[in-house]
Protein backbone atom coordinates (compact mmCIF):
# COMPACT_ATOMS: atom_id res chain seq x y z
CA UNK A 1 34.77 75.04 34.65
CA UNK A 2 37.82 77.35 33.16
CA UNK A 3 40.73 78.98 34.52
CA UNK A 4 40.44 82.80 33.99
CA UNK A 5 43.26 85.80 33.88
CA UNK A 6 43.65 88.92 34.62
CA UNK A 7 46.38 91.61 33.96
CA UNK A 8 45.83 95.43 34.98
CA UNK A 9 49.07 96.34 33.34
CA UNK A 10 49.19 94.42 29.80
CA UNK A 11 45.13 92.66 29.65
CA UNK A 12 42.38 93.73 27.56
CA UNK A 13 38.71 92.89 28.49
CA UNK A 14 38.36 92.46 24.38
CA UNK A 15 40.72 89.63 24.58
CA UNK A 16 40.16 85.93 25.46
CA UNK A 17 40.71 85.72 29.16
CA UNK A 18 41.98 82.01 29.16
CA UNK A 19 45.60 82.27 29.54
CA UNK A 20 47.76 84.95 30.64
CA UNK A 21 48.92 85.94 27.56
CA UNK A 22 45.20 86.54 26.49
CA UNK A 23 44.37 88.13 29.75
CA UNK A 24 41.63 90.64 30.95
CA UNK A 25 42.54 94.13 31.63
CA UNK A 26 39.84 94.09 35.25
CA UNK A 27 38.02 92.12 37.51
CA UNK A 28 35.22 93.74 36.81
CA UNK A 29 35.14 91.41 33.46
CA UNK A 30 36.01 88.82 35.23
CA UNK A 31 33.18 88.99 37.76
CA UNK A 32 30.59 89.45 34.85
CA UNK A 33 31.72 85.91 32.76
CA UNK A 34 33.12 83.39 35.28
CA UNK A 35 30.45 80.75 36.13
CA UNK A 36 30.29 78.03 39.08
CA UNK A 37 33.97 76.36 38.93
CA UNK A 38 35.75 78.77 37.27
CA UNK A 39 38.96 80.04 38.87
CA UNK A 40 40.13 83.70 38.35
CA UNK A 41 43.62 84.18 38.36
CA UNK A 42 44.60 88.11 39.30
CA UNK A 43 47.93 88.60 38.32
CA UNK A 44 50.03 91.54 40.27
CA UNK A 45 51.44 92.99 37.57
CA UNK A 46 50.61 96.39 38.54
CA UNK A 47 47.77 97.82 41.11
CA UNK A 48 44.23 97.75 39.61
CA UNK A 49 42.27 101.22 40.09
CA UNK A 50 39.14 100.56 38.82
CA UNK A 51 37.29 103.95 37.98
CA UNK A 52 33.30 102.50 39.03
CA UNK A 53 32.33 99.86 41.76
CA UNK A 54 32.99 96.34 40.98
CA UNK A 55 29.49 94.85 40.96
CA UNK A 56 29.43 91.18 41.98
CA UNK A 57 25.84 90.39 40.85
CA UNK A 58 25.74 88.95 37.50
CA UNK A 59 27.17 85.21 38.02
CA UNK A 60 26.76 82.58 41.21
CA UNK A 61 28.79 79.54 42.31
CA UNK A 62 27.65 76.93 43.98
CA UNK A 63 28.06 75.16 47.33
CA UNK A 64 30.22 72.82 45.57
CA UNK A 65 32.04 74.55 42.79
CA UNK A 66 31.81 78.33 43.81
CA UNK A 67 33.69 80.99 41.50
CA UNK A 68 36.89 81.57 43.03
CA UNK A 69 39.19 84.42 42.77
CA UNK A 70 43.01 84.08 43.62
CA UNK A 71 45.81 86.53 43.85
CA UNK A 72 48.61 85.82 41.07
CA UNK A 73 52.12 86.98 40.55
CA UNK A 74 53.71 88.85 37.48
CA UNK A 75 53.39 84.98 35.55
CA UNK A 76 49.67 84.18 36.28
CA UNK A 77 50.92 81.47 39.26
CA UNK A 78 49.23 81.79 42.59
CA UNK A 79 50.59 83.71 45.15
CA UNK A 80 52.01 82.14 48.39
CA UNK A 81 52.80 85.37 50.10
CA UNK A 82 51.75 89.06 49.39
CA UNK A 83 48.47 90.51 47.90
CA UNK A 84 47.04 91.54 44.36
CA UNK A 85 45.88 94.96 44.98
CA UNK A 86 42.58 96.79 43.80
CA UNK A 87 42.55 100.25 44.79
CA UNK A 88 39.53 102.86 45.32
CA UNK A 89 41.88 105.54 44.58
CA UNK A 90 40.08 106.23 41.16
CA UNK A 91 36.33 105.94 42.63
CA UNK A 92 33.76 108.69 42.56
CA UNK A 93 33.17 110.02 46.02
CA UNK A 94 30.87 107.64 48.45
CA UNK A 95 31.76 104.72 46.21
CA UNK A 96 31.80 101.02 47.27
CA UNK A 97 34.65 99.02 45.78
CA UNK A 98 33.03 95.79 46.07
CA UNK A 99 29.00 95.28 46.23
CA UNK A 100 26.44 92.87 45.99
CA UNK A 101 23.47 94.55 45.45
CA UNK A 102 19.72 93.40 46.53
CA UNK A 103 19.64 89.69 45.43
CA UNK A 104 17.68 86.70 46.19
CA UNK A 105 20.43 84.21 45.21
CA UNK A 106 23.24 82.74 47.31
CA UNK A 107 26.63 83.90 45.32
CA UNK A 108 29.27 81.33 46.68
CA UNK A 109 32.84 83.57 45.80
CA UNK A 110 35.50 82.81 47.12
CA UNK A 111 38.51 85.57 47.41
CA UNK A 112 42.22 84.73 48.56
CA UNK A 113 45.32 86.99 48.61
CA UNK A 114 43.38 90.01 47.48
CA UNK A 115 44.33 93.35 49.07
CA UNK A 116 40.91 95.43 48.43
CA UNK A 117 41.86 99.03 49.86
CA UNK A 118 41.25 102.79 49.63
CA UNK A 119 37.64 102.76 49.00
CA UNK A 120 35.50 106.24 48.97
CA UNK A 121 32.97 104.38 50.79
CA UNK A 122 33.32 100.60 52.12
CA UNK A 123 36.03 98.62 50.72
CA UNK A 124 33.48 95.31 50.82
CA UNK A 125 29.62 95.89 50.96
CA UNK A 126 26.34 94.00 50.77
CA UNK A 127 22.91 94.88 50.52
CA UNK A 128 20.59 96.43 51.79
CA UNK A 129 17.81 94.34 50.94
CA UNK A 130 14.19 95.07 51.06
CA UNK A 131 12.54 91.61 52.00
CA UNK A 132 13.90 88.50 54.11
CA UNK A 133 17.67 87.99 54.69
CA UNK A 134 19.52 85.92 51.56
CA UNK A 135 22.71 83.60 51.63
CA UNK A 136 25.90 85.57 50.05
CA UNK A 137 28.47 82.58 51.15
CA UNK A 138 31.30 85.10 50.82
CA UNK A 139 34.88 83.55 51.50
CA UNK A 140 37.52 85.51 52.16
CA UNK A 141 41.00 83.61 52.95
CA UNK A 142 43.96 85.60 53.41
CA UNK A 143 42.65 88.99 52.43
CA UNK A 144 43.86 92.79 53.47
CA UNK A 145 40.45 95.10 53.63
CA UNK A 146 42.11 98.44 54.88
CA UNK A 147 42.32 102.31 54.13
CA UNK A 148 38.66 103.00 53.23
CA UNK A 149 36.97 105.99 53.99
CA UNK A 150 33.61 103.85 55.65
CA UNK A 151 33.90 100.08 56.84
CA UNK A 152 36.80 97.54 55.40
CA UNK A 153 33.86 94.86 55.46
CA UNK A 154 29.95 96.05 55.58
CA UNK A 155 27.63 93.99 56.55
CA UNK A 156 24.14 94.69 54.75
CA UNK A 157 21.71 91.50 55.07
CA UNK A 158 23.22 88.76 53.67
CA UNK A 159 23.74 85.90 55.80
CA UNK A 160 26.85 83.59 56.08
CA UNK A 161 29.95 85.59 55.14
CA UNK A 162 33.15 83.83 56.41
CA UNK A 163 36.60 85.95 56.69
CA UNK A 164 39.51 83.91 57.66
CA UNK A 165 43.09 85.04 58.29
CA UNK A 166 42.59 88.39 56.86
CA UNK A 167 43.99 91.79 57.83
CA UNK A 168 41.35 94.23 58.28
CA UNK A 169 42.91 98.08 59.50
CA UNK A 170 42.78 101.54 59.26
CA UNK A 171 39.32 101.94 57.97
CA UNK A 172 37.80 105.12 58.29
CA UNK A 173 34.40 103.23 59.91
CA UNK A 174 34.33 99.92 61.34
CA UNK A 175 36.76 96.57 60.69
CA UNK A 176 33.50 94.95 60.60
CA UNK A 177 30.27 96.51 60.34
CA UNK A 178 27.61 97.69 60.79
CA UNK A 179 26.95 98.99 64.23
CA UNK A 180 24.22 97.48 67.24
CA UNK A 181 21.25 99.65 65.91
CA UNK A 182 20.96 97.59 63.03
CA UNK A 183 16.79 97.07 63.17
CA UNK A 184 15.97 94.14 61.33
CA UNK A 185 16.65 90.44 61.44
CA UNK A 186 18.34 89.93 58.21
CA UNK A 187 21.76 89.52 59.31
CA UNK A 188 24.06 86.68 61.16
CA UNK A 189 25.93 83.91 60.11
CA UNK A 190 28.97 86.10 60.15
CA UNK A 191 32.41 83.91 61.07
CA UNK A 192 35.89 85.58 61.80
CA UNK A 193 38.24 83.31 62.33
CA UNK A 194 41.95 84.04 63.05
CA UNK A 195 41.56 87.66 61.74
CA UNK A 196 43.93 90.88 62.48
CA UNK A 197 41.29 93.21 63.18
CA UNK A 198 43.12 96.88 64.57
CA UNK A 199 43.58 100.82 63.82
CA UNK A 200 39.74 101.08 62.45
CA UNK A 201 38.28 104.43 63.43
CA UNK A 202 34.93 102.96 65.15
CA UNK A 203 34.63 99.07 66.13
CA UNK A 204 36.85 96.45 65.39
CA UNK A 205 33.82 94.04 64.41
CA UNK A 206 30.02 94.24 65.15
CA UNK A 207 28.16 91.00 65.32
CA UNK A 208 24.30 90.84 65.20
CA UNK A 209 21.10 88.52 65.33
CA UNK A 210 22.32 84.66 64.67
CA UNK A 211 24.77 81.93 65.16
CA UNK A 212 28.03 84.82 64.79
CA UNK A 213 31.46 83.49 65.87
CA UNK A 214 34.84 85.39 66.16
CA UNK A 215 37.47 83.25 67.35
CA UNK A 216 41.31 83.53 67.40
CA UNK A 217 41.51 87.15 66.27
CA UNK A 218 43.62 90.21 66.80
CA UNK A 219 40.91 93.16 67.91
CA UNK A 220 42.97 95.84 69.07
CA UNK A 221 43.38 99.73 68.85
CA UNK A 222 40.33 100.30 67.41
CA UNK A 223 38.34 103.56 67.83
CA UNK A 224 35.04 102.30 68.93
CA UNK A 225 34.09 99.03 71.18
CA UNK A 226 36.90 95.93 70.39
CA UNK A 227 33.95 93.26 69.98
CA UNK A 228 30.29 95.47 69.44
CA UNK A 229 27.17 93.20 70.56
CA UNK A 230 24.13 94.28 68.13
CA UNK A 231 20.20 93.77 69.14
CA UNK A 232 20.44 90.35 69.32
CA UNK A 233 23.22 87.24 70.23
CA UNK A 234 21.44 84.17 69.34
CA UNK A 235 23.48 81.00 69.62
CA UNK A 236 26.43 82.98 68.91
CA UNK A 237 30.24 82.85 70.46
CA UNK A 238 33.24 85.05 71.05
CA UNK A 239 35.82 82.19 71.64
CA UNK A 240 40.07 82.48 72.09
CA UNK A 241 40.62 86.27 71.05
CA UNK A 242 42.67 89.17 72.37
CA UNK A 243 40.87 92.44 72.56
CA UNK A 244 43.45 95.05 73.73
CA UNK A 245 43.81 98.89 73.74
CA UNK A 246 40.35 99.66 72.02
CA UNK A 247 38.76 103.14 72.45
CA UNK A 248 35.46 101.69 73.67
CA UNK A 249 34.38 98.49 75.87
CA UNK A 250 36.41 94.82 75.04
CA UNK A 251 33.54 93.36 74.22
CA UNK A 252 30.20 94.91 74.44
CA UNK A 253 27.54 97.69 73.89
CA UNK A 254 27.95 99.61 71.09
CA UNK A 255 25.88 102.21 69.52
CA UNK A 256 23.03 101.69 72.18
CA UNK A 257 19.21 99.74 71.77
CA UNK A 258 17.17 97.63 73.25
CA UNK A 259 17.92 94.05 73.31
CA UNK A 260 15.31 91.95 71.45
CA UNK A 261 14.74 88.40 72.60
CA UNK A 262 16.84 85.49 74.56
CA UNK A 263 20.40 86.26 74.48
CA UNK A 264 22.22 82.95 75.15
CA UNK A 265 25.87 83.25 73.44
CA UNK A 266 29.24 81.74 74.69
CA UNK A 267 31.55 84.61 75.28
CA UNK A 268 35.07 82.26 76.89
CA UNK A 269 38.83 81.96 76.70
CA UNK A 270 39.39 85.88 75.43
CA UNK A 271 41.92 88.10 76.87
CA UNK A 272 40.58 91.57 77.52
CA UNK A 273 43.32 94.12 78.27
CA UNK A 274 43.49 97.57 78.47
CA UNK A 275 40.58 99.00 76.82
CA UNK A 276 38.45 102.47 77.58
CA UNK A 277 35.60 101.12 78.76
CA UNK A 278 34.68 97.81 80.39
CA UNK A 279 36.34 94.37 79.45
CA UNK A 280 32.86 92.97 78.96
CA UNK A 281 29.87 95.79 78.91
CA UNK A 282 26.13 94.21 78.49
CA UNK A 283 23.02 96.52 79.87
CA UNK A 284 21.08 96.54 76.43
CA UNK A 285 17.97 94.87 78.66
CA UNK A 286 16.53 92.05 79.66
CA UNK A 287 18.01 88.47 78.19
CA UNK A 288 21.28 87.16 79.14
CA UNK A 289 24.80 86.41 77.65
CA UNK A 290 24.95 82.99 78.05
CA UNK A 291 27.77 81.49 79.22
CA UNK A 292 30.82 83.88 80.14
CA UNK A 293 33.88 81.91 81.46
CA UNK A 294 37.52 81.15 81.06
CA UNK A 295 38.50 84.60 80.04
CA UNK A 296 40.89 87.23 81.24
CA UNK A 297 40.84 90.68 82.09
CA UNK A 298 43.41 93.42 83.05
CA UNK A 299 43.31 96.81 83.60
CA UNK A 300 40.28 97.93 81.93
CA UNK A 301 39.43 101.33 82.26
CA UNK A 302 36.05 100.98 83.61
CA UNK A 303 36.36 97.56 85.13
CA UNK A 304 36.24 94.38 84.25
CA UNK A 305 32.51 93.35 84.02
CA UNK A 306 29.30 95.48 83.77
CA UNK A 307 26.43 93.31 82.35
CA UNK A 308 22.88 92.94 83.26
CA UNK A 309 21.97 89.58 82.06
CA UNK A 310 23.96 86.43 84.05
CA UNK A 311 27.39 86.80 85.61
CA UNK A 312 30.98 85.42 84.61
CA UNK A 313 31.87 82.01 85.77
CA UNK A 314 34.45 80.57 88.18
CA UNK A 315 37.56 80.48 85.97
CA UNK A 316 38.29 83.87 84.66
CA UNK A 317 41.56 85.38 85.21
CA UNK A 318 43.66 88.11 86.00
CA UNK A 319 46.88 90.03 86.26
CA UNK A 320 49.36 91.78 83.69
CA UNK A 321 49.30 89.10 80.63
CA UNK A 322 52.93 89.77 79.71
CA UNK A 323 52.74 89.89 76.28
CA UNK A 324 56.06 89.75 74.32
CA UNK A 325 55.33 93.64 73.21
CA UNK A 326 52.13 96.02 72.92
CA UNK A 327 54.56 98.57 71.48
CA UNK A 328 52.17 100.50 68.40
CA UNK A 329 53.27 98.86 65.06
CA UNK A 330 55.35 96.17 66.62
CA UNK A 331 52.52 94.32 68.79
CA UNK A 332 53.24 90.72 69.68
CA UNK A 333 50.45 89.35 71.77
CA UNK A 334 52.14 85.84 72.77
CA UNK A 335 52.25 85.61 76.54
CA UNK A 336 55.55 85.03 78.16
CA UNK A 337 56.57 82.34 81.26
CA UNK A 338 54.75 83.29 84.09
CA UNK A 339 51.36 85.02 81.91
CA UNK A 340 47.94 83.95 83.87
CA UNK A 341 47.05 83.58 79.94
CA UNK A 342 49.40 80.32 79.49
CA UNK A 343 47.52 77.03 80.42
CA UNK A 344 44.66 78.61 81.92
CA UNK A 345 41.84 78.11 79.04
CA UNK A 346 39.04 74.99 78.78
CA UNK A 347 41.24 72.13 77.92
CA UNK A 348 44.50 73.50 79.56
CA UNK A 349 45.01 75.55 76.62
CA UNK A 350 46.31 79.21 76.42
CA UNK A 351 43.81 81.74 76.95
CA UNK A 352 43.47 84.32 73.68
CA UNK A 353 45.06 84.41 70.29
CA UNK A 354 48.48 84.80 69.05
CA UNK A 355 49.60 85.67 65.80
CA UNK A 356 49.79 83.71 62.82
CA UNK A 357 52.76 81.74 61.53
CA UNK A 358 51.30 79.68 58.79
CA UNK A 359 50.89 82.80 56.42
CA UNK A 360 47.78 84.47 57.34
CA UNK A 361 47.62 87.60 58.51
CA UNK A 362 45.65 87.31 61.13
CA UNK A 363 46.48 85.72 64.47
CA UNK A 364 44.78 82.55 66.38
CA UNK A 365 46.16 80.34 69.33
CA UNK A 366 46.16 76.70 67.79
CA UNK A 367 43.06 75.49 70.36
CA UNK A 368 39.51 74.79 70.15
CA UNK A 369 37.76 76.00 67.17
CA UNK A 370 38.44 75.46 63.70
CA UNK A 371 36.66 76.94 60.18
CA UNK A 372 37.77 74.43 56.87
């Protein structure tokens, strides 16, 4: 196992890359060289501005030995605050910044403290794949994905993507896409935990097919649905989120489409407030959302719930959540004294998510779901 360095200010791709003094210049060189168990330190001496898409299909890690890309300071030490920035400002039109193409191999790549910004298409994109789905195992930990022309994170057909404590904002499409009209069973196992997903032009996060989890996130001020339900919702969960001020429904139908199969999922512990549609909406067809309870609804324009499969449980809450602040740009969704969110969730926890205080960009109440 090796440690490599990238220095966009003074590095050279012809160098050895094995120390800060011999650092490479580009993340693409590192992606083409590092193998299972290697660590790449991306040194924040300057913003990296690649002129072409960064492709990630040359090498792969393993479950026990992923390839690890971590933001580092200008001396090569891993960052504890801030990010290493990779900008798409020099990309050709309609170009993804990070891209995993059609591949049958699992990748097992982890990223930490990296800002991926300004792509002329999607900041991070996978697929499409013409055959069966494949397990990507991409982990984005305390990263920021912002200001792309398209989606912050575009799910192609790859299973098993994890975003934890990330900020995903100000993208021209969805925060995490694609929309509900995805037709084939080639997605799933999208796990989004403790993230702040806001001010994207389309939906906050779209989930599709099997075993998805959106938990302990702040999802607010997006231009579409907060959490968009795709054509299937098998064994998926939307837990302990704060979903506020989205143009569409808080949780619900996106671009439309016919429901496929039995959609057994769980939606509980969410506060869904001041969205432009319903609090929860699901009228895609036959089936059921599964377990819907211990949620809080307030001031959603079209009403609190509207769905054909099942009815809400008996433990939902209503009333002004008494957030600390909903001022645009200074949001603080911590409930104040007298809020109906306090100690009304499962196991007497609070409903919803609050700002992360452990150094990440996202949000999450310390409650019922944890992903290591």
